[in-house]
Amino acid sequence: MEDLSEIYKSYANEVKLFLLCLTSSEDLAEELTQETFYQAVKSIHRYNGKCKISVWLCQIAKHSYFDYLKKAKHRNHTSIDYLTKTGVDIRSKEDLPDIAMIKESTLREIHQEIRQLQEPYAEILLLRITMDLSFKELGDIYEKSENWARVTYYRAKCKLAERVNSDEL
C-alpha cells in the first residue's frame, strides 16, 4: 500500500475531476475531494485491492456527493465552467472569434442537454468523456458489471442524440 500522502498526490486531481462531473461546481468539488480523502483515511483498512485505488476513491467520492445531496436536498445544475477550468481548450488558437463563440455555445448546449438526462446516463456520459474511464472502471464505480456500463453508455448516447435532434426540429 502506498503512503497516504502519495495516494493524495497521485489521485486528488482525478477525484476532483470526477466530482466536477457530478457537481458542476469547482468549489463543491474541492470540498468533496477533501471529504473523500478524509473518509479514505478513516477506511483505508477496508481497501482490499480488488479494484484500482482510483476506482475505490471515486466510489467514496460518489458516496460523499450523495451524502451532500441528502443534506442539501438539491442539485447544483448551474455551472458548466468546469470545461475550461479543467484545462479543456474549447477554443482553437486558429479559430476566428465568431467560430470560437459558436463552438463554446455548442458545448454549453450539449452539456445542458447531458445534465437533463436521467441518472445514471448523464453521469456515465460525463465520466466516460471527461475522465476517459474504461467501462470496467465505470462498472466498478456503480458496483455493476462492465457490460452494464457499456450498455448504459450506449443508451445515454442514444438518449442524448434524441434530445439534440428533437431540439433542432
N, C-alpha and C. Protein backbone atom coordinates (compact mmCIF):
# COMPACT_ATOMS: atom_id res chain seq x y z
N MET A 1 0.85 -1.18 0.00
CA MET A 1 0.00 0.00 0.00
C MET A 1 0.89 1.24 0.00
N GLU A 2 0.53 2.18 -0.85
CA GLU A 2 1.28 3.42 -0.94
C GLU A 2 1.07 4.25 0.33
N ASP A 3 2.00 5.15 0.58
CA ASP A 3 1.86 6.11 1.67
C ASP A 3 0.65 7.00 1.37
N LEU A 4 -0.09 7.39 2.39
CA LEU A 4 -1.31 8.16 2.19
C LEU A 4 -1.06 9.50 1.50
N SER A 5 0.05 10.14 1.81
CA SER A 5 0.34 11.41 1.14
C SER A 5 0.62 11.19 -0.34
N GLU A 6 1.24 10.07 -0.68
CA GLU A 6 1.49 9.74 -2.09
C GLU A 6 0.18 9.44 -2.81
N ILE A 7 -0.73 8.77 -2.13
CA ILE A 7 -2.04 8.48 -2.71
C ILE A 7 -2.75 9.80 -3.01
N TYR A 8 -2.69 10.72 -2.06
CA TYR A 8 -3.34 12.02 -2.26
C TYR A 8 -2.73 12.74 -3.46
N LYS A 9 -1.40 12.80 -3.51
CA LYS A 9 -0.73 13.48 -4.62
C LYS A 9 -1.08 12.83 -5.95
N SER A 10 -1.18 11.53 -5.97
CA SER A 10 -1.43 10.79 -7.21
C SER A 10 -2.87 10.90 -7.69
N TYR A 11 -3.82 10.95 -6.77
CA TYR A 11 -5.22 10.79 -7.16
C TYR A 11 -6.13 11.97 -6.85
N ALA A 12 -5.66 12.98 -6.17
CA ALA A 12 -6.53 14.10 -5.78
C ALA A 12 -7.13 14.79 -7.00
N ASN A 13 -6.33 15.02 -8.02
CA ASN A 13 -6.84 15.71 -9.20
C ASN A 13 -7.88 14.86 -9.93
N GLU A 14 -7.64 13.56 -10.02
CA GLU A 14 -8.59 12.67 -10.68
C GLU A 14 -9.92 12.63 -9.92
N VAL A 15 -9.86 12.59 -8.61
CA VAL A 15 -11.08 12.59 -7.79
C VAL A 15 -11.81 13.91 -7.96
N LYS A 16 -11.06 15.00 -7.98
CA LYS A 16 -11.69 16.31 -8.14
C LYS A 16 -12.38 16.41 -9.50
N LEU A 17 -11.75 15.91 -10.56
CA LEU A 17 -12.38 15.93 -11.88
C LEU A 17 -13.66 15.10 -11.89
N PHE A 18 -13.60 13.96 -11.24
CA PHE A 18 -14.79 13.11 -11.12
C PHE A 18 -15.91 13.88 -10.43
N LEU A 19 -15.57 14.55 -9.35
CA LEU A 19 -16.58 15.31 -8.61
C LEU A 19 -17.07 16.53 -9.39
N LEU A 20 -16.20 17.11 -10.20
CA LEU A 20 -16.64 18.21 -11.05
C LEU A 20 -17.70 17.74 -12.03
N CYS A 21 -17.54 16.53 -12.54
CA CYS A 21 -18.55 15.96 -13.43
C CYS A 21 -19.89 15.81 -12.71
N LEU A 22 -19.84 15.44 -11.47
CA LEU A 22 -21.07 15.23 -10.71
C LEU A 22 -21.71 16.53 -10.27
N THR A 23 -20.88 17.47 -9.82
CA THR A 23 -21.41 18.66 -9.16
C THR A 23 -21.53 19.88 -10.06
N SER A 24 -20.68 19.97 -11.08
CA SER A 24 -20.58 21.17 -11.92
C SER A 24 -20.21 22.41 -11.12
N SER A 25 -19.58 22.20 -9.99
CA SER A 25 -19.16 23.32 -9.14
C SER A 25 -17.75 23.04 -8.64
N GLU A 26 -16.83 23.92 -9.00
CA GLU A 26 -15.45 23.71 -8.61
C GLU A 26 -15.28 23.78 -7.08
N ASP A 27 -15.95 24.73 -6.46
CA ASP A 27 -15.84 24.86 -5.00
C ASP A 27 -16.36 23.61 -4.29
N LEU A 28 -17.51 23.14 -4.72
CA LEU A 28 -18.09 21.94 -4.10
C LEU A 28 -17.21 20.73 -4.39
N ALA A 29 -16.67 20.64 -5.59
CA ALA A 29 -15.79 19.52 -5.93
C ALA A 29 -14.55 19.51 -5.04
N GLU A 30 -13.98 20.68 -4.79
CA GLU A 30 -12.81 20.76 -3.91
C GLU A 30 -13.17 20.33 -2.48
N GLU A 31 -14.31 20.81 -2.01
CA GLU A 31 -14.74 20.46 -0.66
C GLU A 31 -14.98 18.95 -0.55
N LEU A 32 -15.64 18.39 -1.54
CA LEU A 32 -15.94 16.95 -1.51
C LEU A 32 -14.68 16.11 -1.73
N THR A 33 -13.71 16.64 -2.44
CA THR A 33 -12.44 15.93 -2.60
C THR A 33 -11.76 15.78 -1.24
N GLN A 34 -11.78 16.85 -0.46
CA GLN A 34 -11.20 16.78 0.88
C GLN A 34 -11.96 15.77 1.75
N GLU A 35 -13.27 15.80 1.65
CA GLU A 35 -14.10 14.85 2.40
C GLU A 35 -13.82 13.41 1.96
N THR A 36 -13.63 13.22 0.66
CA THR A 36 -13.33 11.90 0.12
C THR A 36 -12.05 11.34 0.73
N PHE A 37 -11.01 12.14 0.76
CA PHE A 37 -9.74 11.66 1.30
C PHE A 37 -9.80 11.50 2.82
N TYR A 38 -10.60 12.30 3.48
CA TYR A 38 -10.80 12.11 4.91
C TYR A 38 -11.46 10.75 5.15
N GLN A 39 -12.50 10.46 4.38
CA GLN A 39 -13.19 9.17 4.51
C GLN A 39 -12.27 8.01 4.12
N ALA A 40 -11.43 8.22 3.12
CA ALA A 40 -10.50 7.18 2.68
C ALA A 40 -9.49 6.85 3.78
N VAL A 41 -9.01 7.87 4.45
CA VAL A 41 -8.06 7.65 5.56
C VAL A 41 -8.75 6.86 6.67
N LYS A 42 -10.00 7.21 6.96
CA LYS A 42 -10.73 6.50 8.01
C LYS A 42 -10.99 5.03 7.65
N SER A 43 -11.12 4.75 6.34
CA SER A 43 -11.50 3.39 5.96
C SER A 43 -10.45 2.69 5.10
N ILE A 44 -9.21 3.14 5.16
CA ILE A 44 -8.14 2.54 4.35
C ILE A 44 -7.98 1.05 4.66
N HIS A 45 -8.30 0.66 5.85
CA HIS A 45 -8.18 -0.75 6.23
C HIS A 45 -9.17 -1.63 5.46
N ARG A 46 -10.22 -1.03 4.89
CA ARG A 46 -11.21 -1.80 4.15
C ARG A 46 -10.87 -1.93 2.66
N TYR A 47 -9.86 -1.20 2.20
CA TYR A 47 -9.46 -1.32 0.79
C TYR A 47 -8.81 -2.69 0.60
N ASN A 48 -9.40 -3.51 -0.28
CA ASN A 48 -8.94 -4.88 -0.44
C ASN A 48 -8.08 -5.11 -1.67
N GLY A 49 -7.90 -4.10 -2.50
CA GLY A 49 -7.04 -4.23 -3.67
C GLY A 49 -7.70 -4.92 -4.85
N LYS A 50 -8.99 -5.23 -4.79
CA LYS A 50 -9.66 -5.90 -5.90
C LYS A 50 -9.91 -4.95 -7.08
N CYS A 51 -9.89 -3.67 -6.83
CA CYS A 51 -10.03 -2.69 -7.90
C CYS A 51 -8.90 -1.68 -7.76
N LYS A 52 -8.75 -0.86 -8.80
CA LYS A 52 -7.73 0.18 -8.73
C LYS A 52 -8.07 1.15 -7.62
N ILE A 53 -7.06 1.71 -7.01
CA ILE A 53 -7.30 2.63 -5.90
C ILE A 53 -8.07 3.86 -6.37
N SER A 54 -7.88 4.27 -7.63
CA SER A 54 -8.62 5.41 -8.16
C SER A 54 -10.12 5.10 -8.22
N VAL A 55 -10.47 3.89 -8.57
CA VAL A 55 -11.88 3.48 -8.62
C VAL A 55 -12.45 3.47 -7.21
N TRP A 56 -11.70 2.95 -6.25
CA TRP A 56 -12.13 2.92 -4.86
C TRP A 56 -12.37 4.34 -4.35
N LEU A 57 -11.45 5.25 -4.68
CA LEU A 57 -11.59 6.65 -4.25
C LEU A 57 -12.80 7.30 -4.91
N CYS A 58 -13.06 6.99 -6.18
CA CYS A 58 -14.22 7.55 -6.86
C CYS A 58 -15.53 7.02 -6.25
N GLN A 59 -15.51 5.79 -5.79
CA GLN A 59 -16.70 5.26 -5.10
C GLN A 59 -16.95 6.05 -3.82
N ILE A 60 -15.89 6.31 -3.09
CA ILE A 60 -16.03 7.11 -1.86
C ILE A 60 -16.51 8.51 -2.22
N ALA A 61 -15.95 9.09 -3.29
CA ALA A 61 -16.36 10.43 -3.73
C ALA A 61 -17.84 10.46 -4.09
N LYS A 62 -18.29 9.44 -4.81
CA LYS A 62 -19.70 9.36 -5.20
C LYS A 62 -20.59 9.32 -3.95
N HIS A 63 -20.20 8.50 -2.98
CA HIS A 63 -20.99 8.42 -1.74
C HIS A 63 -20.94 9.74 -0.96
N SER A 64 -19.81 10.42 -0.98
CA SER A 64 -19.71 11.73 -0.33
C SER A 64 -20.65 12.73 -0.99
N TYR A 65 -20.69 12.67 -2.32
CA TYR A 65 -21.59 13.57 -3.06
C TYR A 65 -23.05 13.27 -2.74
N PHE A 66 -23.41 11.99 -2.71
CA PHE A 66 -24.79 11.63 -2.40
C PHE A 66 -25.15 12.03 -0.97
N ASP A 67 -24.20 11.90 -0.05
CA ASP A 67 -24.44 12.37 1.31
C ASP A 67 -24.67 13.88 1.34
N TYR A 68 -23.87 14.59 0.54
CA TYR A 68 -24.05 16.03 0.44
C TYR A 68 -25.46 16.36 -0.08
N LEU A 69 -25.89 15.64 -1.12
CA LEU A 69 -27.22 15.90 -1.69
C LEU A 69 -28.33 15.63 -0.68
N LYS A 70 -28.15 14.58 0.10
CA LYS A 70 -29.15 14.28 1.12
C LYS A 70 -29.25 15.43 2.12
N LYS A 71 -28.10 15.97 2.48
CA LYS A 71 -28.09 17.07 3.45
C LYS A 71 -28.60 18.36 2.84
N ALA A 72 -28.20 18.64 1.61
CA ALA A 72 -28.56 19.89 0.98
C ALA A 72 -29.95 19.84 0.34
N LYS A 73 -30.39 18.63 -0.04
CA LYS A 73 -31.70 18.40 -0.65
C LYS A 73 -31.90 19.21 -1.93
N HIS A 74 -30.83 19.35 -2.69
CA HIS A 74 -30.96 19.95 -4.01
C HIS A 74 -29.72 19.63 -4.83
N ARG A 75 -29.87 19.74 -6.12
CA ARG A 75 -28.74 19.53 -7.03
C ARG A 75 -28.31 20.87 -7.59
N ASN A 76 -27.02 20.99 -7.84
CA ASN A 76 -26.48 22.20 -8.44
C ASN A 76 -26.25 21.95 -9.93
N HIS A 77 -27.12 22.55 -10.76
CA HIS A 77 -27.00 22.36 -12.20
C HIS A 77 -26.57 23.65 -12.91
N THR A 78 -26.09 24.63 -12.18
CA THR A 78 -25.94 25.94 -12.77
C THR A 78 -24.62 26.18 -13.48
N SER A 79 -23.57 25.52 -13.09
CA SER A 79 -22.26 25.86 -13.66
C SER A 79 -21.77 24.81 -14.63
N ILE A 80 -21.33 25.27 -15.81
CA ILE A 80 -20.69 24.35 -16.74
C ILE A 80 -19.28 24.85 -17.07
N ASP A 81 -18.78 25.73 -16.25
CA ASP A 81 -17.46 26.28 -16.48
C ASP A 81 -16.34 25.28 -16.20
N TYR A 82 -16.68 24.08 -15.74
CA TYR A 82 -15.64 23.11 -15.43
C TYR A 82 -14.84 22.73 -16.67
N LEU A 83 -15.43 22.87 -17.86
CA LEU A 83 -14.70 22.53 -19.08
C LEU A 83 -13.43 23.36 -19.20
N THR A 84 -13.56 24.65 -19.04
CA THR A 84 -12.38 25.50 -19.18
C THR A 84 -11.51 25.45 -17.93
N LYS A 85 -12.10 25.26 -16.77
CA LYS A 85 -11.33 25.23 -15.53
C LYS A 85 -10.50 23.96 -15.41
N THR A 86 -10.91 22.90 -16.10
CA THR A 86 -10.16 21.65 -16.03
C THR A 86 -9.18 21.51 -17.17
N GLY A 87 -8.99 22.57 -17.93
CA GLY A 87 -7.96 22.54 -18.96
C GLY A 87 -8.43 22.10 -20.33
N VAL A 88 -9.73 21.91 -20.52
CA VAL A 88 -10.22 21.54 -21.84
C VAL A 88 -10.28 22.82 -22.66
N ASP A 89 -9.51 22.86 -23.71
CA ASP A 89 -9.43 24.05 -24.55
C ASP A 89 -10.53 23.99 -25.58
N ILE A 90 -11.59 24.79 -25.38
CA ILE A 90 -12.69 24.76 -26.32
C ILE A 90 -12.48 25.76 -27.45
N ARG A 91 -11.41 26.53 -27.39
CA ARG A 91 -11.10 27.47 -28.46
C ARG A 91 -9.77 27.11 -29.08
N SER A 92 -9.81 26.80 -30.35
CA SER A 92 -8.57 26.54 -31.07
C SER A 92 -7.88 27.87 -31.31
N LYS A 93 -6.58 27.87 -31.26
CA LYS A 93 -5.83 29.11 -31.47
C LYS A 93 -6.01 29.63 -32.89
N GLU A 94 -6.44 28.77 -33.81
CA GLU A 94 -6.63 29.17 -35.20
C GLU A 94 -8.03 29.67 -35.47
N ASP A 95 -8.94 29.49 -34.53
CA ASP A 95 -10.32 29.89 -34.75
C ASP A 95 -10.47 31.40 -34.74
N LEU A 96 -11.37 31.86 -35.59
CA LEU A 96 -11.77 33.25 -35.54
C LEU A 96 -12.68 33.42 -34.34
N PRO A 97 -12.79 34.62 -33.81
CA PRO A 97 -13.61 34.81 -32.60
C PRO A 97 -15.05 34.32 -32.75
N ASP A 98 -15.68 34.53 -33.92
CA ASP A 98 -17.07 34.10 -34.08
C ASP A 98 -17.19 32.57 -34.11
N ILE A 99 -16.21 31.88 -34.69
CA ILE A 99 -16.22 30.42 -34.72
C ILE A 99 -15.99 29.88 -33.31
N ALA A 100 -15.08 30.48 -32.59
CA ALA A 100 -14.82 30.06 -31.22
C ALA A 100 -16.07 30.24 -30.36
N MET A 101 -16.80 31.32 -30.57
CA MET A 101 -18.00 31.58 -29.81
C MET A 101 -19.08 30.53 -30.13
N ILE A 102 -19.17 30.13 -31.39
CA ILE A 102 -20.13 29.10 -31.79
C ILE A 102 -19.76 27.77 -31.15
N LYS A 103 -18.47 27.44 -31.15
CA LYS A 103 -18.01 26.20 -30.51
C LYS A 103 -18.37 26.20 -29.03
N GLU A 104 -18.08 27.29 -28.36
CA GLU A 104 -18.35 27.39 -26.92
C GLU A 104 -19.85 27.28 -26.66
N SER A 105 -20.64 27.95 -27.47
CA SER A 105 -22.09 27.91 -27.32
C SER A 105 -22.61 26.49 -27.54
N THR A 106 -22.08 25.80 -28.55
CA THR A 106 -22.49 24.43 -28.83
C THR A 106 -22.15 23.51 -27.68
N LEU A 107 -20.94 23.63 -27.13
CA LEU A 107 -20.56 22.82 -25.99
C LEU A 107 -21.46 23.07 -24.78
N ARG A 108 -21.80 24.32 -24.56
CA ARG A 108 -22.69 24.65 -23.45
C ARG A 108 -24.06 24.00 -23.65
N GLU A 109 -24.59 24.08 -24.88
CA GLU A 109 -25.89 23.48 -25.16
C GLU A 109 -25.85 21.97 -24.98
N ILE A 110 -24.79 21.33 -25.45
CA ILE A 110 -24.66 19.88 -25.30
C ILE A 110 -24.58 19.51 -23.83
N HIS A 111 -23.80 20.27 -23.08
CA HIS A 111 -23.69 19.99 -21.65
C HIS A 111 -25.03 20.16 -20.95
N GLN A 112 -25.79 21.17 -21.33
CA GLN A 112 -27.12 21.36 -20.73
C GLN A 112 -28.02 20.18 -21.05
N GLU A 113 -27.93 19.67 -22.27
CA GLU A 113 -28.74 18.51 -22.64
C GLU A 113 -28.30 17.27 -21.85
N ILE A 114 -27.00 17.11 -21.66
CA ILE A 114 -26.49 15.97 -20.88
C ILE A 114 -27.02 16.05 -19.45
N ARG A 115 -26.96 17.24 -18.85
CA ARG A 115 -27.39 17.40 -17.45
C ARG A 115 -28.89 17.14 -17.28
N GLN A 116 -29.66 17.22 -18.37
CA GLN A 116 -31.10 16.97 -18.28
C GLN A 116 -31.45 15.49 -18.46
N LEU A 117 -30.47 14.68 -18.81
CA LEU A 117 -30.70 13.24 -18.90
C LEU A 117 -30.91 12.68 -17.50
N GLN A 118 -31.65 11.59 -17.41
CA GLN A 118 -31.83 10.93 -16.12
C GLN A 118 -30.52 10.29 -15.71
N GLU A 119 -30.37 10.08 -14.41
CA GLU A 119 -29.21 9.34 -13.91
C GLU A 119 -29.48 7.87 -14.10
N PRO A 120 -28.53 7.08 -14.38
CA PRO A 120 -27.10 7.34 -14.39
C PRO A 120 -26.56 7.80 -15.74
N TYR A 121 -27.45 8.06 -16.71
CA TYR A 121 -27.00 8.36 -18.07
C TYR A 121 -26.09 9.59 -18.13
N ALA A 122 -26.50 10.67 -17.48
CA ALA A 122 -25.69 11.90 -17.52
C ALA A 122 -24.32 11.66 -16.91
N GLU A 123 -24.31 11.03 -15.76
CA GLU A 123 -23.04 10.79 -15.06
C GLU A 123 -22.13 9.87 -15.86
N ILE A 124 -22.68 8.81 -16.43
CA ILE A 124 -21.89 7.87 -17.23
C ILE A 124 -21.27 8.59 -18.43
N LEU A 125 -22.06 9.39 -19.13
CA LEU A 125 -21.52 10.14 -20.27
C LEU A 125 -20.39 11.06 -19.86
N LEU A 126 -20.61 11.82 -18.80
CA LEU A 126 -19.59 12.78 -18.37
C LEU A 126 -18.32 12.08 -17.90
N LEU A 127 -18.47 11.00 -17.16
CA LEU A 127 -17.29 10.29 -16.67
C LEU A 127 -16.50 9.66 -17.82
N ARG A 128 -17.21 9.09 -18.75
CA ARG A 128 -16.54 8.43 -19.88
C ARG A 128 -15.84 9.46 -20.77
N ILE A 129 -16.51 10.58 -21.02
CA ILE A 129 -15.96 11.59 -21.93
C ILE A 129 -14.87 12.42 -21.28
N THR A 130 -15.12 12.93 -20.08
CA THR A 130 -14.17 13.86 -19.48
C THR A 130 -13.01 13.18 -18.79
N MET A 131 -13.25 12.01 -18.18
CA MET A 131 -12.18 11.34 -17.45
C MET A 131 -11.63 10.14 -18.19
N ASP A 132 -12.25 9.79 -19.32
CA ASP A 132 -11.79 8.68 -20.14
C ASP A 132 -11.70 7.39 -19.33
N LEU A 133 -12.70 7.17 -18.46
CA LEU A 133 -12.73 5.95 -17.67
C LEU A 133 -13.13 4.78 -18.55
N SER A 134 -12.57 3.63 -18.27
CA SER A 134 -12.93 2.42 -19.00
C SER A 134 -14.30 1.95 -18.53
N PHE A 135 -14.90 1.06 -19.31
CA PHE A 135 -16.20 0.52 -18.91
C PHE A 135 -16.06 -0.31 -17.64
N LYS A 136 -14.94 -0.96 -17.47
CA LYS A 136 -14.69 -1.73 -16.25
C LYS A 136 -14.69 -0.79 -15.04
N GLU A 137 -13.99 0.34 -15.17
CA GLU A 137 -13.92 1.31 -14.07
C GLU A 137 -15.30 1.91 -13.78
N LEU A 138 -16.08 2.20 -14.84
CA LEU A 138 -17.43 2.72 -14.63
C LEU A 138 -18.29 1.69 -13.91
N GLY A 139 -18.18 0.44 -14.33
CA GLY A 139 -18.92 -0.62 -13.66
C GLY A 139 -18.53 -0.74 -12.21
N ASP A 140 -17.25 -0.63 -11.92
CA ASP A 140 -16.77 -0.71 -10.53
C ASP A 140 -17.33 0.44 -9.69
N ILE A 141 -17.36 1.64 -10.25
CA ILE A 141 -17.87 2.80 -9.52
C ILE A 141 -19.34 2.59 -9.15
N TYR A 142 -20.11 2.03 -10.07
CA TYR A 142 -21.53 1.80 -9.82
C TYR A 142 -21.83 0.45 -9.19
N GLU A 143 -20.76 -0.31 -8.94
CA GLU A 143 -20.90 -1.65 -8.38
C GLU A 143 -21.78 -2.53 -9.27
N LYS A 144 -21.52 -2.41 -10.58
CA LYS A 144 -22.24 -3.17 -11.61
C LYS A 144 -21.19 -3.82 -12.50
N SER A 145 -21.65 -4.48 -13.54
CA SER A 145 -20.72 -5.17 -14.45
C SER A 145 -20.18 -4.21 -15.51
N GLU A 146 -19.11 -4.65 -16.15
CA GLU A 146 -18.55 -3.90 -17.27
C GLU A 146 -19.58 -3.81 -18.39
N ASN A 147 -20.30 -4.89 -18.63
CA ASN A 147 -21.32 -4.90 -19.68
C ASN A 147 -22.43 -3.89 -19.37
N TRP A 148 -22.82 -3.79 -18.11
CA TRP A 148 -23.83 -2.80 -17.72
C TRP A 148 -23.35 -1.39 -18.09
N ALA A 149 -22.08 -1.12 -17.83
CA ALA A 149 -21.53 0.21 -18.14
C ALA A 149 -21.55 0.46 -19.65
N ARG A 150 -21.21 -0.54 -20.45
CA ARG A 150 -21.24 -0.40 -21.91
C ARG A 150 -22.66 -0.10 -22.41
N VAL A 151 -23.60 -0.88 -21.95
CA VAL A 151 -24.99 -0.71 -22.37
C VAL A 151 -25.53 0.64 -21.92
N THR A 152 -25.24 1.02 -20.69
CA THR A 152 -25.72 2.29 -20.16
C THR A 152 -25.12 3.46 -20.94
N TYR A 153 -23.83 3.37 -21.27
CA TYR A 153 -23.18 4.42 -22.05
C TYR A 153 -23.82 4.53 -23.44
N TYR A 154 -24.07 3.38 -24.07
CA TYR A 154 -24.70 3.37 -25.39
C TYR A 154 -26.09 4.00 -25.32
N ARG A 155 -26.86 3.60 -24.33
CA ARG A 155 -28.21 4.16 -24.17
C ARG A 155 -28.15 5.66 -23.89
N ALA A 156 -27.16 6.08 -23.11
CA ALA A 156 -27.01 7.51 -22.81
C ALA A 156 -26.73 8.29 -24.09
N LYS A 157 -25.86 7.74 -24.95
CA LYS A 157 -25.57 8.42 -26.22
C LYS A 157 -26.83 8.50 -27.08
N CYS A 158 -27.62 7.43 -27.11
CA CYS A 158 -28.86 7.44 -27.89
C CYS A 158 -29.84 8.47 -27.35
N LYS A 159 -29.99 8.52 -26.03
CA LYS A 159 -30.90 9.48 -25.42
C LYS A 159 -30.44 10.92 -25.68
N LEU A 160 -29.13 11.14 -25.61
CA LEU A 160 -28.60 12.47 -25.89
C LEU A 160 -28.86 12.85 -27.35
N ALA A 161 -28.64 11.92 -28.26
CA ALA A 161 -28.89 12.18 -29.68
C ALA A 161 -30.37 12.52 -29.91
N GLU A 162 -31.26 11.79 -29.24
CA GLU A 162 -32.69 12.08 -29.35
C GLU A 162 -33.00 13.48 -28.87
N ARG A 163 -32.42 13.86 -27.74
CA ARG A 163 -32.66 15.19 -27.18
C ARG A 163 -32.15 16.28 -28.12
N VAL A 164 -30.94 16.10 -28.62
CA VAL A 164 -30.34 17.11 -29.50
C VAL A 164 -31.14 17.20 -30.80
N ASN A 165 -31.49 16.06 -31.38
CA ASN A 165 -32.24 16.06 -32.64
C ASN A 165 -33.64 16.62 -32.46
N SER A 166 -34.30 16.37 -31.35
CA SER A 166 -35.65 16.90 -31.13
C SER A 166 -35.61 18.42 -30.91
N ASP A 167 -34.52 18.92 -30.34
CA ASP A 167 -34.38 20.37 -30.13
C ASP A 167 -34.15 21.10 -31.44
N GLU A 168 -33.55 20.42 -32.43
CA GLU A 168 -33.27 21.07 -33.71
C GLU A 168 -34.51 21.20 -34.56
N LEU A 169 -35.51 20.34 -34.33
CA LEU A 169 -36.72 20.34 -35.16
C LEU A 169 -37.61 21.51 -34.89
